[in-house]
Protein backbone atom coordinates (compact mmCIF):
# COMPACT_ATOMS: atom_id res chain seq x y z
CA MET A 1 -10.47 16.99 25.69
CA PRO A 2 -11.19 13.61 27.31
CA PRO A 3 -10.20 10.60 25.18
CA ILE A 4 -12.69 9.33 22.59
CA SER A 5 -13.74 5.78 21.79
CA LEU A 6 -13.70 5.03 18.07
CA ALA A 7 -16.17 2.55 16.62
CA PHE A 8 -13.49 0.70 14.64
CA THR A 9 -9.82 -0.21 14.86
CA ALA A 10 -7.08 1.84 13.22
CA SER A 11 -6.35 -1.04 10.84
CA GLU A 12 -9.96 -1.00 9.69
CA TYR A 13 -9.74 2.70 8.79
CA ASP A 14 -6.42 2.04 7.06
CA ARG A 15 -8.11 -0.66 4.97
CA ARG A 16 -10.81 1.78 3.89
CA LEU A 17 -8.36 4.51 2.95
CA ALA A 18 -6.27 2.08 0.92
CA LEU A 19 -9.30 0.90 -1.05
CA THR A 20 -10.43 4.45 -1.75
CA ARG A 21 -6.99 5.65 -2.80
CA ALA A 22 -6.59 2.73 -5.18
CA ALA A 23 -9.92 3.63 -6.78
CA MET A 24 -8.84 7.28 -7.02
CA ALA A 25 -5.58 6.34 -8.68
CA ALA A 26 -7.36 4.11 -11.17
CA ARG A 27 -9.55 7.08 -12.16
CA GLY A 28 -6.65 9.55 -12.26
CA ILE A 29 -8.12 11.57 -9.39
CA ASP A 30 -5.57 13.62 -7.42
CA ILE A 31 -7.92 14.88 -4.72
CA LEU A 32 -11.38 13.68 -3.71
CA PHE A 33 -14.11 15.66 -1.96
CA VAL A 34 -16.87 13.54 -0.38
CA GLU A 35 -19.92 15.24 1.07
CA ASP A 36 -22.04 12.14 1.67
CA PRO A 37 -22.15 11.76 5.49
CA SER A 38 -22.06 7.97 5.18
CA ASN A 39 -18.80 8.17 3.25
CA MET A 40 -17.43 10.76 5.68
CA ALA A 41 -18.15 8.45 8.61
CA TRP A 42 -16.80 5.39 6.81
CA LEU A 43 -13.47 7.10 6.10
CA THR A 44 -12.94 9.05 9.33
CA GLY A 45 -15.52 8.04 11.94
CA TYR A 46 -17.15 11.49 11.92
CA ASP A 47 -20.72 11.21 13.21
CA GLY A 48 -23.01 14.19 13.68
CA TRP A 49 -26.37 15.56 12.56
CA SER A 50 -24.68 18.32 10.59
CA PHE A 51 -25.40 17.22 7.03
CA TYR A 52 -28.01 19.95 6.59
CA VAL A 53 -25.12 22.32 5.91
CA HIS A 54 -22.17 21.79 3.56
CA GLN A 55 -19.43 19.60 5.00
CA GLY A 56 -17.11 16.94 3.72
CA VAL A 57 -13.88 14.98 3.80
CA ILE A 58 -10.98 15.83 1.50
CA LEU A 59 -8.77 12.90 0.57
CA THR A 60 -5.53 12.91 -1.39
CA LEU A 61 -3.41 9.98 -2.48
CA GLU A 62 -0.96 10.32 0.41
CA ALA A 63 -1.79 12.75 3.24
CA GLU A 64 -4.26 12.10 6.05
CA PRO A 65 -7.87 13.00 5.26
CA VAL A 66 -9.08 16.52 6.05
CA TRP A 67 -12.43 17.17 7.73
CA TRP A 68 -14.08 20.34 6.43
CA GLY A 69 -17.30 21.76 7.84
CA ARG A 70 -19.10 24.38 9.85
CA GLY A 71 -17.12 25.88 12.70
CA ILE A 72 -19.55 24.87 15.42
CA ASP A 73 -19.27 21.25 14.25
CA ALA A 74 -15.49 21.06 14.58
CA ASN A 75 -15.74 19.78 18.14
CA GLY A 76 -17.94 17.01 16.79
CA ALA A 77 -15.08 16.01 14.51
CA ARG A 78 -12.72 16.10 17.48
CA ARG A 79 -15.06 13.88 19.49
CA THR A 80 -15.93 11.27 16.86
CA SER A 81 -13.14 11.03 14.27
CA TRP A 82 -9.54 9.81 14.44
CA LEU A 83 -8.20 12.90 12.63
CA ALA A 84 -5.46 15.11 14.09
CA GLU A 85 -6.18 18.73 14.95
CA ASP A 86 -4.18 19.99 11.96
CA ASN A 87 -6.56 18.15 9.65
CA LEU A 88 -9.72 19.95 10.77
CA ARG A 89 -10.57 22.90 8.52
CA PRO A 90 -13.78 24.58 9.71
CA TYR A 91 -15.44 27.58 8.09
CA SER A 92 -17.09 30.50 9.90
CA ASP A 93 -20.82 30.99 10.25
CA HIS A 94 -21.10 33.88 7.81
CA TYR A 95 -21.06 31.23 5.05
CA VAL A 96 -24.09 29.41 6.44
CA GLN A 97 -27.31 29.86 4.42
CA SER A 98 -26.07 33.19 3.12
CA THR A 99 -27.08 34.95 -0.10
CA GLU A 100 -23.70 36.71 -0.29
CA PHE A 101 -21.27 33.86 0.46
CA HIS A 102 -21.12 30.14 -0.17
CA PRO A 103 -19.19 27.50 1.80
CA MET A 104 -17.61 26.24 -1.43
CA GLN A 105 -15.69 29.49 -1.59
CA HIS A 106 -14.00 28.46 1.65
CA LEU A 107 -13.50 24.89 0.42
CA ALA A 108 -11.76 26.21 -2.68
CA GLU A 109 -9.34 28.17 -0.49
CA VAL A 110 -8.58 25.03 1.54
CA ILE A 111 -7.88 23.08 -1.65
CA LYS A 112 -5.59 25.88 -2.88
CA ASP A 113 -3.76 25.89 0.46
CA MET A 114 -3.19 22.17 0.07
CA GLY A 115 -1.53 22.79 -3.29
CA PHE A 116 -4.23 21.28 -5.49
CA GLU A 117 -5.55 24.39 -7.24
CA GLY A 118 -4.94 22.88 -10.70
CA ALA A 119 -5.50 19.23 -9.82
CA ARG A 120 -8.00 16.68 -11.06
CA LEU A 121 -10.71 16.98 -8.38
CA GLY A 122 -13.39 14.33 -7.90
CA VAL A 123 -16.78 15.31 -6.44
CA GLU A 124 -20.00 13.38 -5.77
CA MET A 125 -22.23 15.02 -8.37
CA GLU A 126 -25.22 12.68 -7.99
CA ASN A 127 -25.64 12.94 -4.25
CA TYR A 128 -28.32 14.21 -1.89
CA TYR A 129 -25.92 16.60 -0.18
CA PHE A 130 -23.93 18.17 -3.05
CA SER A 131 -26.06 20.87 -4.66
CA ALA A 132 -26.01 22.45 -8.11
CA LYS A 133 -24.97 25.73 -6.46
CA ALA A 134 -22.09 23.95 -4.73
CA TYR A 135 -20.84 22.63 -8.06
CA THR A 136 -21.09 25.92 -9.96
CA THR A 137 -19.42 27.81 -7.10
CA LEU A 138 -16.56 25.31 -6.92
CA CYS A 139 -16.06 25.55 -10.68
CA ALA A 140 -15.95 29.35 -10.50
CA GLU A 141 -13.51 29.36 -7.56
CA LEU A 142 -11.18 26.69 -9.01
CA PRO A 143 -10.95 27.57 -12.73
CA LYS A 144 -7.60 25.79 -13.13
CA ALA A 145 -8.89 22.50 -11.67
CA GLU A 146 -10.40 19.67 -13.67
CA ILE A 147 -13.54 18.80 -11.71
CA VAL A 148 -14.80 15.30 -12.52
CA ASP A 149 -17.70 13.13 -11.40
CA ALA A 150 -16.69 10.73 -8.63
CA THR A 151 -20.22 9.76 -7.62
CA ALA A 152 -20.27 6.50 -5.63
CA LEU A 153 -16.49 6.04 -5.82
CA VAL A 154 -16.38 5.59 -2.04
CA ASN A 155 -19.73 3.77 -1.96
CA TRP A 156 -18.33 0.98 -4.15
CA GLN A 157 -15.41 0.48 -1.75
CA ARG A 158 -18.00 -0.16 0.98
CA ALA A 159 -19.65 -3.03 -0.92
CA VAL A 160 -17.71 -5.85 0.77
CA LYS A 161 -18.02 -5.54 4.52
CA SER A 162 -15.24 -6.29 6.99
CA ALA A 163 -15.73 -8.63 9.92
CA GLU A 164 -16.01 -5.57 12.19
CA GLU A 165 -18.82 -4.13 10.08
CA ILE A 166 -20.71 -7.43 9.88
CA ALA A 167 -20.55 -7.70 13.67
CA PHE A 168 -22.31 -4.31 13.92
CA MET A 169 -24.97 -5.42 11.44
CA ARG A 170 -25.65 -8.53 13.49
CA ARG A 171 -26.25 -6.31 16.52
CA ALA A 172 -28.57 -4.10 14.49
CA ALA A 173 -30.43 -7.24 13.37
CA ARG A 174 -31.33 -8.11 16.95
CA ILE A 175 -32.86 -4.65 17.29
CA SER A 176 -34.77 -5.10 14.01
CA GLU A 177 -36.23 -8.35 15.31
CA LYS A 178 -37.39 -6.61 18.47
CA MET A 179 -38.97 -3.76 16.50
CA VAL A 180 -40.84 -5.96 14.02
CA THR A 181 -42.05 -8.60 16.48
CA GLY A 182 -43.12 -5.86 18.89
CA ALA A 183 -45.14 -4.13 16.18
CA ILE A 184 -46.86 -7.38 15.22
CA GLU A 185 -47.67 -8.21 18.82
CA ARG A 186 -49.18 -4.77 19.46
CA ALA A 187 -51.20 -4.61 16.25
CA GLU A 188 -54.91 -4.75 17.09
CA VAL A 189 -58.12 -3.12 15.94
CA GLY A 190 -58.39 0.42 17.33
CA LEU A 191 -54.67 1.01 17.93
CA ARG A 192 -53.75 4.40 16.47
CA LYS A 193 -50.87 4.49 14.03
CA ASN A 194 -48.97 7.21 15.87
CA GLU A 195 -49.17 5.19 19.10
CA MET A 196 -47.83 2.15 17.27
CA VAL A 197 -44.93 4.13 15.81
CA ALA A 198 -44.13 5.64 19.20
CA GLU A 199 -43.58 2.12 20.54
CA ILE A 200 -41.56 1.13 17.45
CA TYR A 201 -39.25 4.08 18.09
CA ARG A 202 -39.00 3.14 21.74
CA ASP A 203 -37.86 -0.37 20.81
CA ALA A 204 -35.48 1.08 18.21
CA ILE A 205 -33.72 3.45 20.57
CA LEU A 206 -33.66 1.23 23.67
CA GLY A 207 -32.00 -1.49 21.61
CA VAL A 208 -31.26 -4.96 22.95
CA GLU A 209 -29.42 -5.40 26.24
CA GLU A 210 -26.18 -3.37 25.99
CA ASP A 211 -26.57 -2.72 22.26
CA TRP A 212 -28.17 0.72 22.21
CA GLY A 213 -30.21 1.77 19.20
CA ASP A 214 -29.38 4.63 16.84
CA TYR A 215 -31.83 6.64 14.71
CA PRO A 216 -32.74 5.05 11.35
CA ALA A 217 -32.00 6.66 8.01
CA LEU A 218 -35.64 6.03 7.03
CA VAL A 219 -38.65 6.60 9.28
CA PRO A 220 -41.00 3.67 9.92
CA MET A 221 -43.28 2.78 7.02
CA VAL A 222 -46.56 1.36 8.38
CA PRO A 223 -49.37 1.86 5.83
CA SER A 224 -52.59 -0.19 5.93
CA GLY A 225 -55.27 -1.25 3.47
CA ALA A 226 -55.26 0.73 0.23
CA ASP A 227 -52.48 2.94 1.63
CA SER A 228 -50.21 -0.11 1.70
CA SER A 229 -50.39 -0.16 -2.10
CA ALA A 230 -47.85 2.70 -1.88
CA PRO A 231 -44.43 1.58 -0.60
CA HIS A 232 -43.35 4.82 1.05
CA LEU A 233 -46.21 6.14 3.16
CA THR A 234 -45.44 6.67 6.84
CA TRP A 235 -48.21 7.07 9.46
CA ASP A 236 -51.03 9.27 10.74
CA GLY A 237 -53.36 9.23 13.73
CA SER A 238 -55.93 6.81 12.28
CA PRO A 239 -56.71 3.52 14.04
CA LEU A 240 -56.13 0.04 12.69
CA ILE A 241 -59.38 -1.42 11.39
CA PRO A 242 -60.51 -4.99 10.63
CA GLU A 243 -59.84 -6.78 7.34
CA GLN A 244 -56.78 -4.80 6.35
CA CYS A 245 -53.15 -5.67 5.75
CA THR A 246 -50.45 -3.50 7.33
CA PHE A 247 -46.79 -3.84 6.51
CA PHE A 248 -43.90 -2.75 8.71
CA GLU A 249 -40.76 -1.57 6.93
CA LEU A 250 -38.26 -1.01 9.74
CA SER A 251 -34.60 -1.20 10.60
CA GLY A 252 -32.65 -1.52 13.76
CA VAL A 253 -29.49 0.58 13.78
CA TYR A 254 -26.29 0.11 15.73
CA ARG A 255 -23.59 2.79 15.36
CA ARG A 256 -25.17 3.86 12.05
CA TYR A 257 -25.22 0.30 10.64
CA HIS A 258 -28.65 -0.78 9.40
CA THR A 259 -30.19 -4.24 9.02
CA PRO A 260 -33.72 -3.69 7.63
CA LEU A 261 -36.56 -6.14 8.07
CA CYS A 262 -40.14 -6.04 6.74
CA ARG A 263 -43.13 -8.13 7.77
CA SER A 264 -46.89 -7.78 7.29
CA VAL A 265 -49.90 -8.40 9.54
CA TYR A 266 -53.57 -8.93 8.63
CA LEU A 267 -56.31 -8.25 11.16
CA GLY A 268 -59.09 -10.63 10.16
CA THR A 269 -59.31 -13.27 7.43
CA PRO A 270 -56.97 -12.63 4.47
CA PRO A 271 -58.58 -12.81 1.02
CA ASP A 272 -57.52 -15.56 -1.34
CA ASP A 273 -55.49 -13.26 -3.62
CA LEU A 274 -53.41 -12.08 -0.68
CA ARG A 275 -52.82 -15.65 0.46
CA ARG A 276 -51.71 -16.67 -3.04
CA ALA A 277 -49.37 -13.68 -3.15
CA GLU A 278 -47.92 -14.66 0.23
CA GLY A 279 -47.14 -18.18 -0.96
CA ALA A 280 -45.52 -16.97 -4.17
CA LEU A 281 -43.54 -14.27 -2.40
CA VAL A 282 -42.16 -16.66 0.24
CA ALA A 283 -41.24 -19.16 -2.47
CA GLY A 284 -39.56 -16.38 -4.42
CA LEU A 285 -37.61 -15.25 -1.39
CA GLU A 286 -36.35 -18.75 -0.76
CA ALA A 287 -35.38 -19.17 -4.42
CA GLY A 288 -33.57 -15.83 -4.35
CA LEU A 289 -31.68 -16.78 -1.21
CA GLU A 290 -30.48 -19.95 -2.95
CA ALA A 291 -29.28 -17.86 -5.89
CA ALA A 292 -27.53 -15.34 -3.64
CA ARG A 293 -24.18 -17.09 -3.75
CA ALA A 294 -20.64 -15.83 -4.24
CA GLY A 295 -19.79 -15.97 -7.94
CA ASN A 296 -23.38 -15.53 -9.07
CA ARG A 297 -24.68 -12.18 -10.31
CA ALA A 298 -27.06 -9.64 -8.79
CA CYS A 299 -29.52 -10.38 -11.60
CA ASP A 300 -29.57 -14.08 -10.65
CA ILE A 301 -31.38 -13.20 -7.41
CA PHE A 302 -33.93 -11.13 -9.32
CA ASN A 303 -34.49 -13.88 -11.88
CA ALA A 304 -34.89 -16.60 -9.24
CA LEU A 305 -37.48 -14.51 -7.41
CA ALA A 306 -39.44 -13.97 -10.62
CA VAL A 307 -40.12 -17.65 -11.33
CA PRO A 308 -42.60 -18.36 -8.46
CA LEU A 309 -44.15 -14.91 -8.83
CA GLU A 310 -44.80 -15.34 -12.54
CA ALA A 311 -46.18 -18.84 -11.95
CA ALA A 312 -48.73 -17.21 -9.64
CA GLY A 313 -49.57 -14.58 -12.25
CA ILE A 314 -47.69 -11.80 -10.46
CA SER A 315 -45.65 -9.43 -12.61
CA ARG A 316 -42.99 -7.49 -10.75
CA SER A 317 -40.54 -5.29 -12.68
CA ALA A 318 -39.02 -3.17 -9.89
CA ARG A 319 -35.64 -4.08 -8.43
CA CYS A 320 -35.85 -6.41 -5.46
CA GLY A 321 -32.96 -5.22 -3.32
CA TYR A 322 -29.95 -3.03 -2.72
CA PRO A 323 -26.76 -2.96 -0.62
CA ILE A 324 -26.99 -1.93 3.03
CA GLY A 325 -24.61 -0.99 5.81
CA LEU A 326 -23.64 2.39 7.23
CA SER A 327 -26.19 5.08 6.37
CA TYR A 328 -27.63 8.49 7.22
CA PRO A 329 -30.97 10.06 6.20
CA PRO A 330 -32.72 10.03 3.84
CA ASP A 331 -31.81 6.50 2.67
CA TRP A 332 -30.41 3.32 4.20
CA GLY A 333 -29.22 1.92 0.86
CA GLU A 334 -25.66 2.31 -0.43
CA ARG A 335 -26.72 3.35 -3.98
CA THR A 336 -24.45 1.03 -5.97
CA ILE A 337 -25.63 -2.49 -6.87
CA SER A 338 -29.31 -3.15 -7.62
CA LEU A 339 -30.90 -6.59 -7.48
CA ARG A 340 -32.56 -6.36 -10.90
CA GLY A 341 -32.46 -8.14 -14.22
CA SER A 342 -29.99 -5.78 -15.85
CA ASP A 343 -27.35 -5.74 -13.08
CA HIS A 344 -24.60 -8.28 -13.74
CA THR A 345 -22.41 -7.37 -10.75
CA ILE A 346 -20.67 -10.46 -9.41
CA LEU A 347 -21.62 -11.29 -5.83
CA GLU A 348 -18.69 -11.50 -3.41
CA PRO A 349 -18.41 -12.85 0.14
CA GLY A 350 -19.03 -10.06 2.60
CA MET A 351 -21.57 -8.19 0.47
CA THR A 352 -24.77 -7.34 2.32
CA PHE A 353 -28.18 -6.59 0.82
CA HIS A 354 -31.74 -5.86 1.78
CA PHE A 355 -33.54 -8.49 -0.34
CA MET A 356 -36.74 -6.49 -0.68
CA PRO A 357 -39.32 -7.92 -3.10
CA GLY A 358 -42.36 -5.98 -1.87
CA LEU A 359 -45.67 -6.43 -3.69
CA TRP A 360 -47.95 -3.44 -4.18
CA THR A 361 -51.29 -3.82 -5.96
CA ASP A 362 -54.06 -1.27 -6.42
CA ASP A 363 -55.76 -2.45 -3.24
CA TRP A 364 -53.09 -3.72 -0.84
CA GLY A 365 -49.39 -4.14 -0.23
CA LEU A 366 -47.41 -7.06 1.13
CA GLU A 367 -43.84 -6.88 2.38
CA ILE A 368 -41.82 -9.88 3.56
CA THR A 369 -38.09 -9.21 3.25
CA GLU A 370 -34.68 -10.31 4.49
CA SER A 371 -31.35 -8.62 5.04
CA ILE A 372 -28.72 -11.02 3.75
CA LEU A 373 -24.98 -11.69 3.82
CA ILE A 374 -23.18 -13.30 0.87
CA THR A 375 -21.04 -16.05 2.39
CA GLU A 376 -17.87 -17.84 1.33
CA GLU A 377 -19.81 -20.99 0.44
CA GLY A 378 -23.45 -21.84 0.00
CA ALA A 379 -26.59 -19.75 -0.03
CA ALA A 380 -26.86 -16.34 1.57
CA GLU A 381 -27.21 -16.01 5.33
CA THR A 382 -30.16 -14.06 6.69
CA PHE A 383 -29.31 -11.64 9.48
CA CYS A 384 -32.70 -11.77 11.18
CA ASN A 385 -34.75 -14.66 12.52
CA VAL A 386 -38.46 -13.88 12.23
CA PRO A 387 -40.91 -16.30 10.56
CA ARG A 388 -41.13 -15.62 6.84
CA LYS A 389 -44.90 -15.30 6.43
CA LEU A 390 -47.95 -13.04 6.58
CA PHE A 391 -48.96 -12.77 10.23
CA VAL A 392 -52.71 -13.12 10.81
CA LYS A 393 -54.51 -11.96 13.94
């Protein structure tokens, strides 16, 4: 096959493997099976839309990782990962969506062949991609193994980003800026939502200059009026109408790295309650950014945000952010730290978050957010540069 171009350097992948193996050793895990495609890509570079079937990476404390997946996807592993041919272990198609066979039967045979039939095996139990059937089948096929929960073990190693990863997120941020500012510029009475989203996707995929855009782990969220009181509605074919607020929850993506950005637009004259909420939310964002410093805690950001909101009579109990980086559908968060009052995780330089304090009332929603980088000194850096306000047209 022609040579491939990996997204990262060999030393970067070595760094990731070392972190993961240290975490495995600390938990007494002999062999780790990761099915989360984000973790697969982070460890090996593998990148393909194949996560609708069972696949994964098998990692031991010493040997090179093993890619395991559907046979027709093995060439994808050859084209996108740094793994040697001997470390690709595909299964045949008779396992796919079968009522007689299950891919975990094949995985169990691979693990036995590797000499780990009676080992302590870590699996990602709380994960979108690892099903209850997968777990029960693996238990039945490996009765001598001790199967333990290793949910988010790899995710936590991803919390502090390398310089190479941050560079990708900066490139994604430029695409996010283009997407959000383009949506605001196009927003006008009569524009149909599906037409708006079509242009958002065009901006997302075209990217900025030589930085091409990848598909986002979440589809665009663009609800208006009362629909914007719900944070996760997408779009339909209805037109924008006067005197409504629309928020845009979007993310540019570069080589699977996300840098989300949300802004809101009002077509008409915003009511007083929305204007008061805007002022409190912007003040809360700025207070949270000041609190987002290395050595502080995740909860400090949440608590700083709450002060201006509560002064304006706004009660907000939901978390206000989460870690971001490399992601696949259906979520661009890393599912580890939460920016909420009960999370005392210490912030470290290189951590990256979507600081996302959206407001959703019974009648409207308002989203003004920032993707942020915890720096060595001082307040957090924002990745994007778009005015922090409610846009009015």
